[in-house]
Amino acid sequence: MSELNNIPSVDLADFLADDPKRKQKFVDEIGKAYEEIGFVALKNHFLSDKLVEELYKEVKEFFALPLATKKKYERKEIGGQRGYTAFGMEHAKGRTEGDLKEFWHFGQIPDEDANLTEEYPENVQVEELPEFNKVGIETYKMLEKTGIYVLRALALYIGLEENYFDYWVSNGNSILRPIHYPPITSEPKNAVRAAEHGDINLITLLMGASAGGLQVQRKDGEWIDAIPKEDELVINVGDMLERHTNNKLRSTIHRVTNPPKEQWNQPRYSIPFFMHPRSEMKLNCLPECVDKDNPKHYEDITAGEFLKQRLIEIGLLKEED
């Protein structure tokens, strides 16, 4: 697999089949892919074409609103965890240039009996677009459902009980982030649409972007284009899961490159779902992933503590927040 030139494709229908051999095939395929490159393309997920179409329509209409209107929906006091974040506000860890994007955050609407130890911020309602929030939350639920099944497969691969992650992510602090990369109007100095980075969370589920540009770094340091088929989601391991599995599963560095100059006038839309657990989940290295050849690499930490550290590093929270 070292000369891999695209990310491996897996079929969720195998995992959901009544056939134990097909289920095990999916577990082995996704587990090995996440050890090798940290990314897969997944078909037969729970998102319908109709829902995807509706969401893109709403998202494009939102980002086309005047800047003054969009800025009404900024929530800087909560580090942009909900609502609108303006162009160039976020940067990759270790960089100072802001990424060439603006985005929106939908968050969890927890069950009444969720027994959360923290209160999630309310979602921000967009007055100008009556369907925007409804379609966003419906997409959120379908991606969360898909993510739970992926984590079940990974739990089995690691040697845990299949439903190990269910409780932690079902009312978790996940985020759906529609992103708009506007047309590039002048030569960017050092900025790119999204600089190389690893994701913070357990796993990320990415709906097919409207234009290319997503690249993944192989183990040998080479960058390859991640090109899913139209009906596939790209799903990758985040830093929380890498840490929890003591580096068994890889959080791969990836980026969104600027297009060739002749395509600068084209915007790009992309909609990742960042799957976060409840804040009190312990990310301590799992005993199943620690042995004499792979000793414990990380200090004990909770998901909430880890998230706060990283939000400070990427500029969405200040030290004192």
Protein backbone atom coordinates (compact mmCIF):
# COMPACT_ATOMS: atom_id res chain seq x y z
CA MET A 1 0.00 0.00 0.00
CA SER A 2 3.01 2.33 0.20
CA GLU A 3 2.53 3.48 -3.43
CA LEU A 4 -1.12 4.31 -2.74
CA ASN A 5 -2.28 7.09 -5.09
CA ASN A 6 -5.80 7.52 -3.77
CA ILE A 7 -7.50 6.75 -0.49
CA PRO A 8 -9.02 3.24 -0.08
CA SER A 9 -12.78 2.83 -0.66
CA VAL A 10 -14.97 0.82 1.77
CA ASP A 11 -18.67 -0.08 1.72
CA LEU A 12 -20.76 0.42 4.88
CA ALA A 13 -23.30 -2.08 3.46
CA ASP A 14 -20.73 -4.80 4.26
CA PHE A 15 -20.75 -3.85 7.95
CA LEU A 16 -24.55 -3.68 8.07
CA ALA A 17 -25.02 -7.04 6.31
CA ASP A 18 -26.25 -10.11 8.20
CA ASP A 19 -23.21 -11.99 6.89
CA PRO A 20 -20.46 -12.11 9.60
CA LYS A 21 -17.78 -12.53 6.89
CA ARG A 22 -18.83 -9.30 5.14
CA LYS A 23 -18.96 -7.49 8.47
CA GLN A 24 -15.43 -8.69 9.35
CA LYS A 25 -14.21 -7.72 5.87
CA PHE A 26 -15.34 -4.13 6.51
CA VAL A 27 -13.71 -4.10 9.98
CA ASP A 28 -10.41 -5.35 8.55
CA GLU A 29 -10.44 -3.00 5.55
CA ILE A 30 -11.21 0.18 7.46
CA GLY A 31 -8.88 -0.72 10.34
CA LYS A 32 -5.93 -1.40 8.02
CA ALA A 33 -6.62 1.77 6.01
CA TYR A 34 -6.61 3.82 9.20
CA GLU A 35 -3.33 2.25 10.31
CA GLU A 36 -1.77 2.89 6.90
CA ILE A 37 -3.07 6.30 5.74
CA GLY A 38 -5.80 7.43 8.16
CA PHE A 39 -8.37 8.13 5.40
CA VAL A 40 -11.08 6.15 3.58
CA ALA A 41 -13.85 6.89 1.09
CA LEU A 42 -17.14 5.39 2.35
CA LYS A 43 -20.13 4.44 0.23
CA ASN A 44 -23.66 3.46 1.31
CA HIS A 45 -23.77 5.95 4.20
CA PHE A 46 -27.03 7.45 5.55
CA LEU A 47 -27.02 10.74 3.62
CA SER A 48 -29.50 10.87 0.75
CA ASP A 49 -28.68 12.70 -2.50
CA LYS A 50 -31.75 14.87 -1.91
CA LEU A 51 -30.55 15.99 1.53
CA VAL A 52 -27.05 16.75 0.19
CA GLU A 53 -28.56 18.81 -2.63
CA GLU A 54 -30.79 20.75 -0.21
CA LEU A 55 -27.91 21.48 2.15
CA TYR A 56 -25.61 22.78 -0.59
CA LYS A 57 -28.42 25.03 -1.86
CA GLU A 58 -28.97 26.50 1.65
CA VAL A 59 -25.25 26.87 2.34
CA LYS A 60 -24.58 28.68 -0.94
CA GLU A 61 -27.49 31.03 -0.24
CA PHE A 62 -26.17 31.77 3.25
CA PHE A 63 -22.62 32.59 2.13
CA ALA A 64 -24.04 34.81 -0.66
CA LEU A 65 -25.69 37.06 1.97
CA PRO A 66 -24.09 40.49 2.57
CA LEU A 67 -21.16 40.40 5.01
CA ALA A 68 -22.99 42.68 7.47
CA THR A 69 -25.87 40.17 7.57
CA LYS A 70 -23.55 37.20 8.13
CA LYS A 71 -21.67 39.04 10.86
CA LYS A 72 -24.92 39.31 12.86
CA TYR A 73 -24.48 35.58 13.43
CA GLU A 74 -20.91 35.67 14.80
CA ARG A 75 -20.51 34.33 18.34
CA LYS A 76 -16.91 35.22 19.26
CA GLU A 77 -17.66 34.95 22.98
CA ILE A 78 -17.92 31.14 22.61
CA GLY A 79 -14.92 30.77 20.29
CA GLY A 80 -17.16 30.46 17.24
CA GLN A 81 -18.55 27.10 18.40
CA ARG A 82 -21.90 28.06 16.83
CA GLY A 83 -22.88 30.38 14.02
CA TYR A 84 -20.63 32.27 11.61
CA THR A 85 -16.84 32.66 11.53
CA ALA A 86 -15.56 35.28 9.10
CA PHE A 87 -12.92 34.92 6.37
CA GLY A 88 -9.32 34.44 7.57
CA MET A 89 -10.16 34.13 11.30
CA GLU A 90 -8.92 30.54 11.73
CA HIS A 91 -5.39 29.31 11.07
CA ALA A 92 -3.71 25.92 11.24
CA LYS A 93 -1.74 24.96 14.38
CA GLY A 94 1.74 26.48 14.15
CA ARG A 95 0.82 29.05 11.48
CA THR A 96 -0.12 32.71 11.71
CA GLU A 97 -1.68 33.24 8.26
CA GLY A 98 -5.46 32.89 8.35
CA ASP A 99 -6.94 30.25 6.05
CA LEU A 100 -8.79 31.53 2.96
CA LYS A 101 -12.25 30.51 4.15
CA GLU A 102 -15.37 31.50 6.07
CA PHE A 103 -17.63 28.95 7.75
CA TRP A 104 -20.69 28.13 9.84
CA HIS A 105 -21.09 25.80 12.82
CA PHE A 106 -24.12 23.63 13.64
CA GLY A 107 -23.87 21.83 16.98
CA GLN A 108 -25.48 19.06 18.98
CA ILE A 109 -29.11 19.19 20.09
CA PRO A 110 -28.86 16.73 22.99
CA ASP A 111 -31.57 14.27 24.04
CA GLU A 112 -33.57 15.38 27.07
CA ASP A 113 -32.21 12.45 29.09
CA ALA A 114 -28.59 12.92 27.93
CA ASN A 115 -27.30 13.67 31.48
CA LEU A 116 -24.59 15.97 30.14
CA THR A 117 -21.98 17.40 32.48
CA GLU A 118 -21.72 20.53 30.29
CA GLU A 119 -24.20 22.76 28.56
CA TYR A 120 -23.82 23.02 24.79
CA PRO A 121 -24.41 26.44 23.22
CA GLU A 122 -27.71 26.89 21.37
CA ASN A 123 -27.63 26.73 17.59
CA VAL A 124 -27.90 30.13 15.89
CA GLN A 125 -31.06 30.60 13.81
CA VAL A 126 -30.69 32.31 10.42
CA GLU A 127 -33.74 34.55 9.97
CA GLU A 128 -33.19 35.16 6.25
CA LEU A 129 -33.29 31.46 5.29
CA PRO A 130 -36.22 29.55 6.85
CA GLU A 131 -34.95 26.07 5.78
CA PHE A 132 -31.23 26.57 6.60
CA ASN A 133 -31.28 25.28 10.19
CA LYS A 134 -33.75 22.45 9.54
CA VAL A 135 -31.69 21.02 6.67
CA GLY A 136 -28.42 21.52 8.59
CA ILE A 137 -29.65 19.63 11.67
CA GLU A 138 -31.09 16.78 9.57
CA THR A 139 -27.69 16.40 7.85
CA TYR A 140 -25.98 16.52 11.26
CA LYS A 141 -28.10 13.57 12.47
CA MET A 142 -27.42 11.44 9.39
CA LEU A 143 -23.66 12.04 9.59
CA GLU A 144 -23.67 11.29 13.33
CA LYS A 145 -25.48 8.00 12.63
CA THR A 146 -22.92 7.09 9.95
CA GLY A 147 -20.05 7.99 12.29
CA ILE A 148 -21.38 5.77 15.08
CA TYR A 149 -21.26 2.74 12.76
CA VAL A 150 -17.71 3.56 11.65
CA LEU A 151 -16.64 3.80 15.31
CA ARG A 152 -18.34 0.46 16.03
CA ALA A 153 -16.20 -1.14 13.33
CA LEU A 154 -13.07 0.48 14.76
CA ALA A 155 -13.95 -0.66 18.29
CA LEU A 156 -14.06 -4.26 17.00
CA TYR A 157 -10.79 -3.78 15.11
CA ILE A 158 -9.05 -2.54 18.26
CA GLY A 159 -10.45 -5.41 20.34
CA LEU A 160 -13.08 -3.44 22.29
CA GLU A 161 -16.77 -4.17 22.77
CA GLU A 162 -18.64 -3.06 19.59
CA ASN A 163 -20.68 -0.31 21.28
CA TYR A 164 -17.75 1.12 23.25
CA PHE A 165 -18.02 4.59 21.62
CA ASP A 166 -21.85 4.81 21.40
CA TYR A 167 -22.52 6.53 24.73
CA TRP A 168 -19.69 9.02 24.33
CA VAL A 169 -20.60 10.22 20.84
CA SER A 170 -24.42 9.92 20.75
CA ASN A 171 -24.83 13.21 22.64
CA GLY A 172 -21.26 14.33 21.96
CA ASN A 173 -19.92 17.78 21.20
CA SER A 174 -19.83 17.20 17.42
CA ILE A 175 -19.82 20.03 14.89
CA LEU A 176 -21.12 20.28 11.31
CA ARG A 177 -19.11 22.93 9.47
CA PRO A 178 -20.21 24.19 6.05
CA ILE A 179 -17.17 26.02 4.60
CA HIS A 180 -16.97 28.55 1.78
CA TYR A 181 -13.62 29.21 0.09
CA PRO A 182 -14.35 32.37 -1.97
CA PRO A 183 -12.76 32.99 -5.36
CA ILE A 184 -9.12 34.10 -5.01
CA THR A 185 -8.81 37.68 -6.20
CA SER A 186 -5.08 38.40 -5.71
CA GLU A 187 -1.87 36.43 -5.26
CA PRO A 188 -2.03 34.92 -1.73
CA LYS A 189 1.28 35.60 0.08
CA ASN A 190 1.59 32.52 2.29
CA ALA A 191 -2.07 31.72 2.79
CA VAL A 192 -3.81 28.64 1.39
CA ARG A 193 -7.42 27.56 1.50
CA ALA A 194 -6.58 25.30 4.46
CA ALA A 195 -2.98 24.82 5.59
CA GLU A 196 -1.68 21.34 6.45
CA HIS A 197 -3.20 20.13 9.70
CA GLY A 198 -4.54 17.16 11.63
CA ASP A 199 -8.15 17.26 12.85
CA ILE A 200 -8.79 17.58 16.59
CA ASN A 201 -11.69 15.15 17.00
CA LEU A 202 -12.26 11.35 16.93
CA ILE A 203 -13.21 11.08 13.24
CA THR A 204 -14.19 13.56 10.51
CA LEU A 205 -16.84 12.81 7.89
CA LEU A 206 -16.50 15.02 4.81
CA MET A 207 -19.24 15.50 2.24
CA GLY A 208 -17.87 15.67 -1.30
CA ALA A 209 -16.39 19.10 -1.87
CA SER A 210 -17.61 21.15 -4.84
CA ALA A 211 -14.06 21.41 -6.24
CA GLY A 212 -10.83 19.47 -5.80
CA GLY A 213 -7.91 20.47 -3.62
CA LEU A 214 -8.00 18.02 -0.68
CA GLN A 215 -4.60 16.34 -0.31
CA VAL A 216 -3.42 13.71 2.19
CA GLN A 217 0.18 13.09 3.25
CA ARG A 218 1.37 9.48 2.90
CA LYS A 219 3.79 7.91 5.40
CA ASP A 220 6.68 8.58 2.99
CA GLY A 221 5.88 12.31 3.04
CA GLU A 222 4.36 12.43 -0.47
CA TRP A 223 1.08 14.32 -0.92
CA ILE A 224 -1.71 12.53 -2.78
CA ASP A 225 -5.07 13.85 -3.97
CA ALA A 226 -8.07 12.45 -2.06
CA ILE A 227 -10.62 11.88 -4.82
CA PRO A 228 -13.78 10.14 -3.61
CA LYS A 229 -16.55 9.11 -6.00
CA GLU A 230 -19.62 11.35 -6.06
CA ASP A 231 -21.64 9.17 -3.67
CA GLU A 232 -18.82 8.65 -1.13
CA LEU A 233 -17.93 10.40 2.10
CA VAL A 234 -14.28 10.93 2.99
CA ILE A 235 -13.73 9.81 6.59
CA ASN A 236 -10.49 10.32 8.48
CA VAL A 237 -9.05 9.73 11.94
CA GLY A 238 -8.57 12.78 14.17
CA ASP A 239 -5.98 13.49 16.86
CA MET A 240 -8.28 12.37 19.71
CA LEU A 241 -8.61 8.87 18.25
CA GLU A 242 -4.90 8.67 17.40
CA ARG A 243 -4.12 9.56 21.02
CA HIS A 244 -6.74 7.17 22.45
CA THR A 245 -5.35 4.29 20.34
CA ASN A 246 -1.74 5.20 21.24
CA ASN A 247 -0.89 5.90 17.56
CA LYS A 248 -2.32 2.60 16.27
CA LEU A 249 -4.80 4.54 14.12
CA ARG A 250 -3.28 7.52 12.30
CA SER A 251 -4.46 11.11 12.28
CA THR A 252 -3.04 12.01 8.88
CA ILE A 253 -1.89 15.51 8.00
CA HIS A 254 -3.99 16.95 5.17
CA ARG A 255 -4.55 20.29 3.45
CA VAL A 256 -6.70 22.11 0.90
CA THR A 257 -4.47 23.59 -1.78
CA ASN A 258 -5.15 26.71 -3.80
CA PRO A 259 -6.39 25.91 -7.31
CA PRO A 260 -4.40 26.66 -10.49
CA LYS A 261 -4.58 30.34 -11.41
CA GLU A 262 -7.10 29.75 -14.21
CA GLN A 263 -9.52 28.40 -11.58
CA TRP A 264 -9.10 31.22 -9.05
CA ASN A 265 -12.50 32.64 -10.00
CA GLN A 266 -14.26 29.47 -8.80
CA PRO A 267 -15.48 29.26 -5.19
CA ARG A 268 -15.20 25.98 -3.28
CA TYR A 269 -17.72 24.61 -0.80
CA SER A 270 -16.97 21.80 1.60
CA ILE A 271 -18.95 20.36 4.54
CA PRO A 272 -17.05 18.37 7.19
CA PHE A 273 -18.67 16.81 10.27
CA PHE A 274 -16.23 16.77 13.19
CA MET A 275 -17.25 13.94 15.51
CA HIS A 276 -16.44 14.85 19.10
CA PRO A 277 -17.27 12.85 22.22
CA ARG A 278 -18.71 14.19 25.44
CA SER A 279 -16.12 16.37 27.15
CA GLU A 280 -15.66 14.02 30.11
CA MET A 281 -14.57 11.08 27.91
CA LYS A 282 -11.08 9.99 28.91
CA LEU A 283 -8.67 9.90 25.97
CA ASN A 284 -6.13 7.87 27.96
CA CYS A 285 -4.19 5.38 25.81
CA LEU A 286 -6.24 2.17 25.62
CA PRO A 287 -4.58 -0.86 27.27
CA GLU A 288 -5.37 -2.83 24.07
CA CYS A 289 -3.03 -0.47 22.18
CA VAL A 290 -0.09 -0.47 24.62
CA ASP A 291 2.64 -3.16 24.70
CA LYS A 292 6.41 -3.39 25.01
CA ASP A 293 6.88 -2.54 21.31
CA ASN A 294 4.44 0.38 21.53
CA PRO A 295 4.70 1.88 25.03
CA LYS A 296 2.28 4.60 26.17
CA HIS A 297 3.00 7.81 24.22
CA TYR A 298 0.61 10.30 25.85
CA GLU A 299 -0.35 11.69 29.22
CA ASP A 300 -3.91 11.08 30.43
CA ILE A 301 -6.36 13.81 29.36
CA THR A 302 -10.11 14.27 28.83
CA ALA A 303 -11.65 15.21 25.48
CA GLY A 304 -12.77 18.58 26.88
CA GLU A 305 -9.28 19.47 28.11
CA PHE A 306 -7.72 18.44 24.81
CA LEU A 307 -10.27 20.42 22.77
CA LYS A 308 -9.65 23.60 24.76
CA GLN A 309 -5.87 23.30 24.25
CA ARG A 310 -6.31 22.94 20.49
CA LEU A 311 -8.86 25.76 20.09
CA ILE A 312 -6.30 28.09 21.67
CA GLU A 313 -3.59 26.80 19.29
CA ILE A 314 -5.68 27.49 16.15
CA GLY A 315 -6.78 30.97 17.26
CA LEU A 316 -10.47 30.37 18.02
CA LEU A 317 -10.06 30.75 21.81
CA LYS A 318 -7.81 33.05 23.80
CA GLU A 319 -5.68 31.71 26.68
CA GLU A 320 -7.91 33.19 29.37
CA ASP A 321 -11.21 31.86 27.90
